[in-house]
Amino acid sequence: MNHPYLLWSLLPGFSLFTGCTVSPKKEVIKSDDRLPNVIYIFSDDLGFGDLSCYGATKIQTPHIDSLAAQGAQFMNAYASSATSTPSRFCLLTGAYPWRYENTEIATGNAGMIIDTACVTMADLFKNAGYVTGAIGKWHLGLGGPNGPDWNGEITPSPRNIGFDYDFVIPATVDRVPCVYIENDRVVNLDPKDPIFVDYNKKVGNWPTGKENPELLKLKSSHGHDNTIINGIGRIGYMTGGKSALWVDEDIADTIVSKAKAFIAKNKENPFFLYLGTQDVHVPRIPHPRFAGKSGLGVRGDVILQLDWTIGRLMHTLDSLGIANNTLFIFTSDNGPVIDDGYIDGALENLNGHTPMGIYRGGKYSAYEAGTRVPFIVRWPDRIKPVKQHALFSQVDVFASMAELLGKDLPKGVAPDSQGNLSVFLGDESKDREYVVQQNLNNTLSIIQGKWKYIEPSKMPNAVSWVEMDLGNSPEAQLYDLSTDPAEKQNVAIQYPEVVKRLSVLLNEVKSRKK
């Protein structure tokens, strides 16, 4: 993937913002104030209806509820995409992923998807004097075009796109290799037991879910029948690296431990921490502390585990005395899915819980539940508690952070991101002009005001591995979200002028240069 904006900012003697004039509309940070720490948390596959602060009644999430009660809780915020990799790409680059090749869901051995010549949000903070860290789920590829060298230095890595420190899960927890990467090296790897990974054919002689189902502690509902790690069939094949394998039950604890250490180490410096949780993605393997505690099966249990994760981070900030000047952002990469490849009882144990809330669709889908996600921003020194109803998109976080830091972005950097800091901080409720969303098949939709338009698509409306209405149709779709938030009634025929207007607007957005 080639980007037109080069990282000339990192060359010796240059600064990203050299030559830029800064004229912020409102002084957010006084000259004698310490820059706020910034923590951005991407939970995984969490639904709008999964949290008690967003209306869930069958499960309680007290720590996330507390976060929402102390900050700006967004009710109309959207991920850019209904799947993981594209949403993460969009956040860190401020660019719509569908403009670029190879930004679909990444395999576990994909090369780095973000061009190292791209100015990322991590670069923005680093150039402003922040210490930057990436911890947890990565899923943006590692290494060169042919993928990473698992047995040597892995480069490019997060440290080549603006992060000073990284401790990451390479892809998703249902994909091999099931190892952590810390500062470009596999953690605890024995060089006498090298790792081999292949997504096309079996490597080594480790058992697989397809050949040895009797060894599984968690059966597959679709796919997930390749190499068995910790009694769980994964996507892809691996062998070697036994000493480096993670323990699924301990992943949340490990992420929290690494995050706490990063925060404590940098408590005297402004820091930016990008943290991706593995919860509530499959396989859902809660720590014994949470197993069976939700009354909603394992999916409910890992929601409790996610809430605990947030609580531990909030407690860390409080104990270090830095909570008041920390901008804490919590959201999800996309909407929820119930059965995503394992027979884990998630569907049978919903017990009236509705992860999608009142919305249609879910992960992978063009409908609302695919991209309408929880989004909470807390900054006690600056943000007053508020329910924020403005239309907002995660693509705008990049430019809003530039506004926060009082920096103008050079042309071509974060090309699709719009600074909207006053909305971000809850000062005003002003809708973004429009929000563009992307489903699994790159079918695009656009929301403007009360209207949502989904472009016609020749792609199938279903896939074999998940029961989900993808929102693909050969006909244009138009919904009035003010009266029909569940998108039950397509009114495209009744309002042809709205269809035409939004179709033209969407095509204008699509035709803009990168």
Protein backbone atom coordinates (compact mmCIF):
# COMPACT_ATOMS: atom_id res chain seq x y z
CA MET A 1 0.00 0.00 0.00
CA ASN A 2 1.46 3.32 -1.03
CA HIS A 3 0.71 6.51 0.82
CA PRO A 4 1.20 10.00 -0.59
CA TYR A 5 2.19 11.40 2.77
CA LEU A 6 5.73 10.57 3.83
CA LEU A 7 7.18 10.40 7.28
CA TRP A 8 9.53 13.27 6.59
CA SER A 9 8.67 14.39 10.09
CA LEU A 10 10.87 11.75 11.63
CA LEU A 11 14.01 12.66 9.76
CA PRO A 12 16.70 14.29 11.90
CA GLY A 13 16.22 18.01 12.18
CA PHE A 14 12.58 17.99 11.11
CA SER A 15 9.33 18.10 12.99
CA LEU A 16 5.94 16.94 11.83
CA PHE A 17 4.55 20.38 12.44
CA THR A 18 7.42 22.53 11.27
CA GLY A 19 6.04 25.42 9.25
CA CYS A 20 2.46 24.89 10.45
CA THR A 21 0.65 27.80 12.01
CA VAL A 22 -1.56 26.96 14.94
CA SER A 23 -4.67 28.98 15.60
CA PRO A 24 -7.00 26.86 17.74
CA LYS A 25 -10.55 28.15 18.13
CA LYS A 26 -10.44 27.49 21.84
CA GLU A 27 -7.54 27.02 24.21
CA VAL A 28 -7.95 23.50 25.53
CA ILE A 29 -4.59 23.13 27.24
CA LYS A 30 -3.18 26.21 28.93
CA SER A 31 0.47 26.90 28.30
CA ASP A 32 1.41 26.10 31.89
CA ASP A 33 -0.62 22.89 32.03
CA ARG A 34 0.83 19.43 31.68
CA LEU A 35 -0.35 17.69 28.54
CA PRO A 36 -2.99 15.07 29.33
CA ASN A 37 -2.15 11.41 29.15
CA VAL A 38 -4.27 9.62 26.55
CA ILE A 39 -5.49 6.03 26.76
CA TYR A 40 -7.47 4.61 23.85
CA ILE A 41 -9.08 1.23 24.48
CA PHE A 42 -10.44 -0.85 21.62
CA SER A 43 -12.56 -3.66 23.00
CA ASP A 44 -13.33 -6.42 20.53
CA ASP A 45 -16.77 -7.34 19.11
CA LEU A 46 -18.60 -5.51 21.91
CA GLY A 47 -22.19 -4.55 21.15
CA PHE A 48 -24.11 -1.36 21.83
CA GLY A 49 -26.39 -3.43 24.04
CA ASP A 50 -23.66 -5.25 25.98
CA LEU A 51 -23.15 -2.64 28.73
CA SER A 52 -25.50 -1.67 31.53
CA CYS A 53 -24.75 2.02 30.93
CA TYR A 54 -26.14 1.51 27.41
CA GLY A 55 -29.30 -0.20 28.62
CA ALA A 56 -28.34 -3.82 29.26
CA THR A 57 -30.39 -5.26 32.11
CA LYS A 58 -29.18 -8.86 32.19
CA ILE A 59 -25.55 -7.98 32.93
CA GLN A 60 -23.90 -5.29 35.02
CA THR A 61 -20.68 -3.50 34.04
CA PRO A 62 -20.04 -1.19 37.01
CA HIS A 63 -16.54 -0.01 36.07
CA ILE A 64 -17.47 0.97 32.52
CA ASP A 65 -20.69 2.50 33.91
CA SER A 66 -18.56 4.60 36.24
CA LEU A 67 -16.42 5.70 33.32
CA ALA A 68 -19.54 6.79 31.44
CA ALA A 69 -21.00 8.59 34.46
CA GLN A 70 -17.83 10.66 34.79
CA GLY A 71 -17.45 11.64 31.14
CA ALA A 72 -19.05 12.04 27.75
CA GLN A 73 -21.09 8.98 26.81
CA PHE A 74 -21.75 8.94 23.08
CA MET A 75 -25.07 7.58 21.86
CA ASN A 76 -24.47 8.00 18.12
CA ALA A 77 -20.84 7.03 17.62
CA TYR A 78 -19.66 4.73 14.87
CA ALA A 79 -16.69 2.57 14.00
CA SER A 80 -15.62 3.05 10.41
CA SER A 81 -16.01 -0.63 9.61
CA ALA A 82 -17.90 -3.69 10.75
CA THR A 83 -14.72 -5.74 11.13
CA SER A 84 -11.49 -5.49 13.09
CA THR A 85 -8.52 -4.74 10.86
CA PRO A 86 -10.19 -1.95 8.85
CA SER A 87 -11.41 -0.14 11.98
CA ARG A 88 -7.96 -0.23 13.56
CA PHE A 89 -6.33 0.94 10.34
CA CYS A 90 -8.78 3.84 10.14
CA LEU A 91 -8.20 4.97 13.72
CA LEU A 92 -4.41 5.04 13.47
CA THR A 93 -4.21 6.56 9.98
CA GLY A 94 -7.28 8.79 9.83
CA ALA A 95 -7.97 7.28 6.39
CA TYR A 96 -10.87 5.16 5.22
CA PRO A 97 -9.53 1.62 4.76
CA TRP A 98 -11.61 0.89 1.67
CA ARG A 99 -9.46 3.38 -0.24
CA TYR A 100 -6.48 1.03 0.11
CA GLU A 101 -5.57 -2.52 -0.81
CA ASN A 102 -4.93 -5.26 1.74
CA THR A 103 -6.90 -3.67 4.56
CA GLU A 104 -9.39 -6.51 4.94
CA ILE A 105 -9.36 -8.87 7.95
CA ALA A 106 -5.69 -9.78 8.33
CA THR A 107 -4.37 -13.30 8.72
CA GLY A 108 -1.99 -14.12 11.55
CA ASN A 109 1.06 -14.02 9.29
CA ALA A 110 0.17 -10.93 7.24
CA GLY A 111 2.85 -8.30 6.70
CA MET A 112 2.48 -4.82 8.18
CA ILE A 113 -0.61 -3.23 6.64
CA ILE A 114 0.17 0.38 7.55
CA ASP A 115 2.91 1.76 5.34
CA THR A 116 5.86 2.89 7.45
CA ALA A 117 5.84 6.09 5.38
CA CYS A 118 2.41 6.92 6.79
CA VAL A 119 2.09 9.48 9.58
CA THR A 120 0.02 7.73 12.24
CA MET A 121 -1.76 8.94 15.33
CA ALA A 122 1.12 7.46 17.34
CA ASP A 123 3.50 9.71 15.37
CA LEU A 124 1.27 12.67 16.22
CA PHE A 125 1.69 12.04 19.93
CA LYS A 126 5.35 11.10 19.70
CA ASN A 127 6.18 14.33 17.90
CA ALA A 128 4.33 16.23 20.64
CA GLY A 129 6.66 14.75 23.27
CA TYR A 130 4.59 11.77 24.36
CA VAL A 131 5.84 8.31 25.20
CA THR A 132 3.76 5.95 23.07
CA GLY A 133 2.80 2.34 23.63
CA ALA A 134 0.71 -0.35 21.91
CA ILE A 135 -0.50 -3.22 24.10
CA GLY A 136 -2.87 -6.10 23.41
CA LYS A 137 -4.57 -7.05 20.18
CA TRP A 138 -2.79 -5.65 17.11
CA HIS A 139 -4.29 -7.26 13.97
CA LEU A 140 -2.60 -4.87 11.55
CA GLY A 141 0.09 -7.21 10.30
CA LEU A 142 3.75 -7.50 11.22
CA GLY A 143 6.93 -7.74 9.20
CA GLY A 144 7.55 -7.22 5.51
CA PRO A 145 5.40 -8.15 2.51
CA ASN A 146 6.10 -11.85 3.07
CA GLY A 147 5.12 -11.67 6.73
CA PRO A 148 7.13 -11.73 9.96
CA ASP A 149 10.20 -13.71 10.90
CA TRP A 150 8.83 -15.25 14.07
CA ASN A 151 12.28 -16.48 15.09
CA GLY A 152 14.17 -13.21 14.73
CA GLU A 153 13.58 -9.48 14.78
CA ILE A 154 10.09 -8.67 13.55
CA THR A 155 10.18 -5.53 11.49
CA PRO A 156 8.34 -3.44 10.55
CA SER A 157 6.37 -3.49 13.76
CA PRO A 158 4.36 -0.99 15.81
CA ARG A 159 7.69 0.61 16.70
CA ASN A 160 8.15 1.57 13.04
CA ILE A 161 4.88 3.52 12.92
CA GLY A 162 5.21 5.74 15.96
CA PHE A 163 5.10 3.50 19.02
CA ASP A 164 8.02 3.51 21.46
CA TYR A 165 6.94 0.25 23.09
CA ASP A 166 4.78 -2.67 22.07
CA PHE A 167 3.48 -5.84 23.66
CA VAL A 168 0.98 -7.29 21.24
CA ILE A 169 -1.10 -10.24 20.17
CA PRO A 170 -0.21 -10.49 16.46
CA ALA A 171 -3.74 -10.90 15.12
CA THR A 172 -6.78 -12.39 16.87
CA VAL A 173 -6.81 -14.98 19.63
CA ASP A 174 -8.42 -17.55 17.33
CA ARG A 175 -5.52 -17.29 14.87
CA VAL A 176 -2.01 -18.69 15.07
CA PRO A 177 0.64 -18.02 16.17
CA CYS A 178 -0.59 -17.98 19.77
CA VAL A 179 2.34 -15.97 21.10
CA TYR A 180 3.03 -12.45 22.32
CA ILE A 181 5.38 -10.01 20.61
CA GLU A 182 7.31 -7.52 22.75
CA ASN A 183 9.48 -4.91 21.10
CA ASP A 184 9.86 -6.90 17.88
CA ARG A 185 10.59 -10.31 19.42
CA VAL A 186 8.45 -13.31 20.34
CA VAL A 187 8.28 -13.45 24.13
CA ASN A 188 9.90 -16.48 25.81
CA LEU A 189 10.87 -18.12 22.53
CA ASP A 190 13.39 -20.95 22.79
CA PRO A 191 15.69 -20.66 19.73
CA LYS A 192 16.02 -24.44 19.76
CA ASP A 193 12.25 -24.70 19.13
CA PRO A 194 11.60 -22.31 16.21
CA ILE A 195 8.11 -21.29 15.15
CA PHE A 196 6.66 -22.13 11.76
CA VAL A 197 3.33 -20.73 10.60
CA ASP A 198 1.29 -21.41 7.46
CA TYR A 199 -2.26 -20.50 6.54
CA ASN A 200 -2.47 -22.77 3.49
CA LYS A 201 -1.09 -26.12 4.60
CA LYS A 202 -0.24 -28.00 7.75
CA VAL A 203 3.24 -27.57 9.19
CA GLY A 204 4.76 -29.92 11.72
CA ASN A 205 2.89 -32.71 13.44
CA TRP A 206 0.82 -30.88 16.05
CA PRO A 207 -2.77 -32.16 16.20
CA THR A 208 -5.56 -30.30 14.44
CA GLY A 209 -9.22 -29.90 15.18
CA LYS A 210 -10.10 -31.62 11.94
CA GLU A 211 -7.89 -34.65 12.52
CA ASN A 212 -8.14 -34.93 16.31
CA PRO A 213 -11.50 -33.54 17.49
CA GLU A 214 -11.29 -35.71 20.60
CA LEU A 215 -8.53 -33.40 21.89
CA LEU A 216 -10.71 -30.29 21.80
CA LYS A 217 -12.10 -28.70 24.96
CA LEU A 218 -14.00 -26.25 22.76
CA LYS A 219 -15.64 -27.59 19.62
CA SER A 220 -15.89 -25.67 16.36
CA SER A 221 -19.16 -24.59 14.78
CA HIS A 222 -17.40 -23.51 11.59
CA GLY A 223 -13.73 -23.31 10.67
CA HIS A 224 -11.37 -23.12 13.63
CA ASP A 225 -10.28 -26.68 12.96
CA ASN A 226 -6.58 -26.20 12.25
CA THR A 227 -3.78 -26.46 14.84
CA ILE A 228 -4.96 -27.13 18.37
CA ILE A 229 -3.45 -24.82 21.00
CA ASN A 230 -4.52 -25.20 24.64
CA GLY A 231 -7.31 -27.57 23.57
CA ILE A 232 -8.74 -25.05 21.12
CA GLY A 233 -8.71 -25.37 17.33
CA ARG A 234 -7.41 -22.21 15.65
CA ILE A 235 -7.39 -20.65 12.21
CA GLY A 236 -4.08 -21.48 10.57
CA TYR A 237 -1.31 -23.97 11.25
CA MET A 238 1.71 -23.61 13.50
CA THR A 239 4.37 -25.72 15.12
CA GLY A 240 7.20 -24.89 17.51
CA GLY A 241 7.55 -22.18 20.12
CA LYS A 242 6.03 -24.23 22.95
CA SER A 243 7.65 -22.11 25.63
CA ALA A 244 6.19 -18.97 24.07
CA LEU A 245 2.54 -20.05 23.82
CA TRP A 246 0.06 -17.96 25.73
CA VAL A 247 -2.47 -19.37 28.19
CA ASP A 248 -5.92 -18.21 27.06
CA GLU A 249 -7.32 -17.90 30.58
CA ASP A 250 -4.48 -15.50 31.48
CA ILE A 251 -4.57 -13.14 28.48
CA ALA A 252 -6.63 -10.41 30.17
CA ASP A 253 -4.38 -10.52 33.24
CA THR A 254 -1.28 -10.29 31.06
CA ILE A 255 -2.59 -7.30 29.12
CA VAL A 256 -3.56 -5.51 32.33
CA SER A 257 -0.16 -6.22 33.88
CA LYS A 258 1.71 -4.82 30.88
CA ALA A 259 -0.55 -1.77 30.71
CA LYS A 260 -0.13 -1.03 34.42
CA ALA A 261 3.64 -1.29 34.08
CA PHE A 262 3.67 1.08 31.08
CA ILE A 263 1.50 3.62 32.89
CA ALA A 264 3.55 3.48 36.09
CA LYS A 265 6.84 3.80 34.22
CA ASN A 266 5.63 6.90 32.40
CA LYS A 267 3.58 8.57 35.11
CA GLU A 268 5.88 11.60 35.09
CA ASN A 269 5.67 12.00 31.31
CA PRO A 270 2.70 12.52 29.02
CA PHE A 271 1.94 9.15 27.45
CA PHE A 272 -0.32 7.72 24.76
CA LEU A 273 -1.41 4.13 25.31
CA TYR A 274 -3.27 2.27 22.55
CA LEU A 275 -4.73 -0.87 24.10
CA GLY A 276 -6.67 -3.62 22.35
CA THR A 277 -8.45 -6.17 24.52
CA GLN A 278 -9.06 -9.72 23.36
CA ASP A 279 -12.49 -9.65 24.97
CA VAL A 280 -15.16 -10.32 23.83
CA HIS A 281 -13.74 -12.01 20.70
CA VAL A 282 -13.74 -15.78 20.28
CA PRO A 283 -12.50 -18.06 21.69
CA ARG A 284 -14.12 -16.82 24.87
CA ILE A 285 -12.03 -18.36 27.63
CA PRO A 286 -12.53 -16.38 30.85
CA HIS A 287 -10.18 -16.57 33.78
CA PRO A 288 -11.58 -18.86 36.52
CA ARG A 289 -12.41 -15.70 38.53
CA PHE A 290 -15.13 -14.92 35.97
CA ALA A 291 -16.15 -18.34 34.66
CA GLY A 292 -19.82 -18.97 35.32
CA LYS A 293 -20.31 -15.64 37.12
CA SER A 294 -22.47 -13.71 34.61
CA GLY A 295 -25.41 -16.08 34.24
CA LEU A 296 -25.10 -15.49 30.49
CA GLY A 297 -22.56 -18.15 29.61
CA VAL A 298 -19.00 -17.54 28.51
CA ARG A 299 -19.81 -14.47 26.43
CA GLY A 300 -21.29 -12.80 29.49
CA ASP A 301 -18.35 -13.96 31.57
CA VAL A 302 -15.82 -12.29 29.28
CA ILE A 303 -17.88 -9.08 29.36
CA LEU A 304 -17.39 -9.17 33.14
CA GLN A 305 -13.69 -9.77 32.52
CA LEU A 306 -13.58 -6.78 30.17
CA ASP A 307 -15.26 -4.62 32.80
CA TRP A 308 -12.67 -5.79 35.33
CA THR A 309 -9.91 -4.83 32.88
CA ILE A 310 -11.25 -1.29 32.68
CA GLY A 311 -11.61 -1.16 36.43
CA ARG A 312 -7.99 -2.19 36.96
CA LEU A 313 -6.75 0.53 34.63
CA MET A 314 -8.92 3.16 36.31
CA HIS A 315 -7.61 2.04 39.71
CA THR A 316 -4.04 2.29 38.46
CA LEU A 317 -4.58 5.88 37.35
CA ASP A 318 -6.19 6.73 40.67
CA SER A 319 -3.42 5.12 42.73
CA LEU A 320 -0.76 7.03 40.78
CA GLY A 321 -2.64 10.31 41.16
CA ILE A 322 -2.89 10.91 37.41
CA ALA A 323 -6.54 10.07 36.70
CA ASN A 324 -7.73 13.67 36.57
CA ASN A 325 -5.37 14.58 33.76
CA THR A 326 -5.80 11.40 31.72
CA LEU A 327 -8.06 11.37 28.69
CA PHE A 328 -9.53 7.87 28.81
CA ILE A 329 -11.36 6.66 25.70
CA PHE A 330 -13.28 3.38 25.59
CA THR A 331 -14.99 1.90 22.54
CA SER A 332 -15.24 -1.19 20.32
CA ASP A 333 -13.78 -1.97 16.92
CA ASN A 334 -17.14 -3.13 15.56
CA GLY A 335 -20.45 -4.56 16.65
CA PRO A 336 -21.27 -7.90 18.29
CA VAL A 337 -21.51 -11.45 17.01
CA ILE A 338 -22.76 -14.39 19.03
CA ASP A 339 -21.66 -17.56 17.23
CA ASP A 340 -18.38 -16.71 15.53
CA GLY A 341 -16.89 -20.16 15.10
CA TYR A 342 -17.07 -22.12 18.36
CA ILE A 343 -19.80 -24.10 20.07
CA ASP A 344 -19.45 -22.18 23.32
CA GLY A 345 -23.09 -21.89 24.38
CA ALA A 346 -23.17 -18.14 23.79
CA LEU A 347 -26.46 -18.27 21.89
CA GLU A 348 -28.15 -20.72 24.21
CA ASN A 349 -27.19 -18.71 27.29
CA LEU A 350 -28.26 -15.23 26.20
CA ASN A 351 -31.21 -15.48 28.63
CA GLY A 352 -32.85 -12.38 27.22
CA HIS A 353 -29.65 -10.36 26.82
CA THR A 354 -29.55 -8.40 23.53
CA PRO A 355 -25.95 -7.56 22.47
CA MET A 356 -27.23 -5.61 19.46
CA GLY A 357 -29.61 -3.51 21.54
CA ILE A 358 -32.52 -2.40 19.37
CA TYR A 359 -30.42 -2.43 16.22
CA ARG A 360 -30.29 -4.71 13.20
CA GLY A 361 -27.27 -6.70 12.07
CA GLY A 362 -24.01 -7.00 13.96
CA LYS A 363 -20.36 -7.65 13.22
CA TYR A 364 -19.75 -7.88 9.44
CA SER A 365 -23.02 -6.07 8.64
CA ALA A 366 -23.90 -2.77 6.95
CA TYR A 367 -26.79 -2.36 9.34
CA GLU A 368 -26.58 -0.28 12.50
CA ALA A 369 -25.41 -2.95 14.93
CA GLY A 370 -22.37 -3.55 12.74
CA THR A 371 -20.77 -0.18 13.45
CA ARG A 372 -22.80 1.71 16.06
CA VAL A 373 -20.68 1.09 19.13
CA PRO A 374 -20.21 2.25 22.72
CA PHE A 375 -17.91 5.27 22.86
CA ILE A 376 -17.00 6.91 26.18
CA VAL A 377 -14.55 9.73 26.86
CA ARG A 378 -13.47 10.65 30.40
CA TRP A 379 -11.12 13.47 31.38
CA PRO A 380 -12.03 14.67 34.89
CA ASP A 381 -10.00 17.89 34.64
CA ARG A 382 -11.82 18.92 31.47
CA ILE A 383 -14.98 16.97 30.65
CA LYS A 384 -18.23 17.36 32.53
CA PRO A 385 -20.53 14.32 32.60
CA VAL A 386 -22.87 14.41 29.60
CA LYS A 387 -24.85 12.16 27.28
CA GLN A 388 -23.51 13.11 23.87
CA HIS A 389 -26.04 12.63 21.05
CA ALA A 390 -23.99 14.14 18.24
CA LEU A 391 -23.19 12.01 15.20
CA PHE A 392 -19.55 10.98 15.56
CA SER A 393 -17.12 8.62 13.84
CA GLN A 394 -13.91 7.02 15.07
CA VAL A 395 -12.17 8.31 11.93
CA ASP A 396 -12.26 11.76 13.54
CA VAL A 397 -10.28 10.82 16.65
CA PHE A 398 -6.96 11.49 14.84
CA ALA A 399 -7.74 15.08 13.81
CA SER A 400 -9.47 15.75 17.14
CA MET A 401 -6.30 14.72 18.96
CA ALA A 402 -4.34 17.12 16.74
CA GLU A 403 -6.72 19.88 17.83
CA LEU A 404 -6.24 18.84 21.45
CA LEU A 405 -2.49 19.25 21.05
CA GLY A 406 -2.90 22.52 19.18
CA LYS A 407 -1.34 21.13 16.00
CA ASP A 408 -2.30 21.59 12.36
CA LEU A 409 -1.99 18.46 10.26
CA PRO A 410 -0.06 18.78 7.00
CA LYS A 411 -2.04 18.16 3.83
CA GLY A 412 -2.44 14.46 3.16
CA VAL A 413 -2.07 13.38 6.78
CA ALA A 414 -5.22 11.73 8.18
CA PRO A 415 -7.03 12.67 4.95
CA ASP A 416 -10.50 11.53 6.02
CA SER A 417 -10.33 12.67 9.63
CA GLN A 418 -12.15 15.86 10.69
CA GLY A 419 -11.28 17.72 13.85
CA ASN A 420 -14.32 17.76 16.11
CA LEU A 421 -12.81 18.40 19.52
CA SER A 422 -15.72 20.36 20.98
CA VAL A 423 -18.01 17.40 20.35
CA PHE A 424 -15.35 14.95 21.50
CA LEU A 425 -15.07 16.76 24.83
CA GLY A 426 -18.83 17.07 25.19
CA ASP A 427 -18.86 20.87 24.93
CA GLU A 428 -21.40 20.94 22.12
CA SER A 429 -23.67 18.51 20.31
CA LYS A 430 -23.01 19.19 16.66
CA ASP A 431 -23.44 16.39 14.17
CA ARG A 432 -20.70 15.43 11.78
CA GLU A 433 -21.93 16.30 8.27
CA TYR A 434 -22.03 12.60 7.42
CA VAL A 435 -20.65 9.23 8.54
CA VAL A 436 -19.43 6.57 6.11
CA GLN A 437 -19.43 2.91 7.11
CA GLN A 438 -18.09 -0.28 5.54
CA ASN A 439 -19.30 -3.86 5.89
CA LEU A 440 -17.43 -7.13 5.39
CA ASN A 441 -17.80 -6.96 1.60
CA ASN A 442 -16.82 -3.28 1.32
CA THR A 443 -20.42 -2.27 0.75
CA LEU A 444 -20.60 1.34 1.91
CA SER A 445 -23.33 3.22 3.68
CA ILE A 446 -23.64 6.87 4.58
CA ILE A 447 -25.59 8.58 7.37
CA GLN A 448 -26.57 12.22 7.14
CA GLY A 449 -29.02 13.65 9.63
CA LYS A 450 -31.85 11.16 10.10
CA TRP A 451 -31.19 9.34 6.84
CA LYS A 452 -29.08 6.26 6.22
CA TYR A 453 -28.36 5.13 2.66
CA ILE A 454 -26.79 1.74 1.82
CA GLU A 455 -25.43 1.52 -1.69
CA PRO A 456 -26.57 -1.34 -3.97
CA SER A 457 -24.31 -4.38 -3.91
CA LYS A 458 -23.99 -7.54 -5.96
CA MET A 459 -22.37 -9.33 -3.04
CA PRO A 460 -24.32 -12.11 -1.27
CA ASN A 461 -26.25 -11.13 1.82
CA ALA A 462 -24.88 -14.01 3.87
CA VAL A 463 -21.70 -15.97 4.43
CA SER A 464 -21.26 -19.59 5.36
CA TRP A 465 -19.51 -19.13 8.68
CA VAL A 466 -21.87 -16.84 10.58
CA GLU A 467 -25.60 -16.21 10.78
CA MET A 468 -25.68 -12.51 9.96
CA ASP A 469 -27.67 -10.22 7.69
CA LEU A 470 -24.83 -8.40 5.92
CA GLY A 471 -27.00 -5.66 4.45
CA ASN A 472 -26.08 -6.42 0.84
CA SER A 473 -28.85 -5.91 -1.70
CA PRO A 474 -28.94 -5.19 -5.44
CA GLU A 475 -31.39 -2.41 -4.63
CA ALA A 476 -30.63 0.88 -2.92
CA GLN A 477 -31.66 1.00 0.72
CA LEU A 478 -32.79 4.07 2.65
CA TYR A 479 -33.82 4.20 6.28
CA ASP A 480 -35.17 6.98 8.47
CA LEU A 481 -33.25 6.35 11.67
CA SER A 482 -35.33 8.89 13.59
CA THR A 483 -38.44 6.75 13.30
CA ASP A 484 -36.95 3.40 12.30
CA PRO A 485 -33.64 2.86 14.14
CA ALA A 486 -34.01 -0.91 13.68
CA GLU A 487 -33.97 -0.43 9.88
CA LYS A 488 -37.09 -2.48 9.26
CA GLN A 489 -38.60 -0.36 6.49
CA ASN A 490 -36.66 0.47 3.33
CA VAL A 491 -38.14 3.77 2.11
CA ALA A 492 -35.92 4.26 -0.94
CA ILE A 493 -38.88 4.17 -3.31
CA GLN A 494 -40.80 6.77 -1.30
CA TYR A 495 -37.88 9.23 -1.17
CA PRO A 496 -35.99 9.05 -4.49
CA GLU A 497 -34.64 12.56 -4.07
CA VAL A 498 -32.96 11.60 -0.77
CA VAL A 499 -31.52 8.47 -2.37
CA LYS A 500 -30.10 10.54 -5.21
CA ARG A 501 -28.63 13.16 -2.88
CA LEU A 502 -26.95 10.65 -0.59
CA SER A 503 -25.77 8.51 -3.51
CA VAL A 504 -24.11 11.55 -5.06
CA LEU A 505 -22.53 12.50 -1.72
CA LEU A 506 -21.21 8.98 -1.15
CA ASN A 507 -19.74 8.86 -4.64
CA GLU A 508 -18.07 12.22 -4.04
CA VAL A 509 -16.46 10.86 -0.87
CA LYS A 510 -15.37 7.71 -2.71
CA SER A 511 -13.83 9.68 -5.57
CA ARG A 512 -11.68 11.92 -3.40
CA LYS A 513 -7.98 11.31 -3.71
CA LYS A 514 -6.16 9.51 -0.94
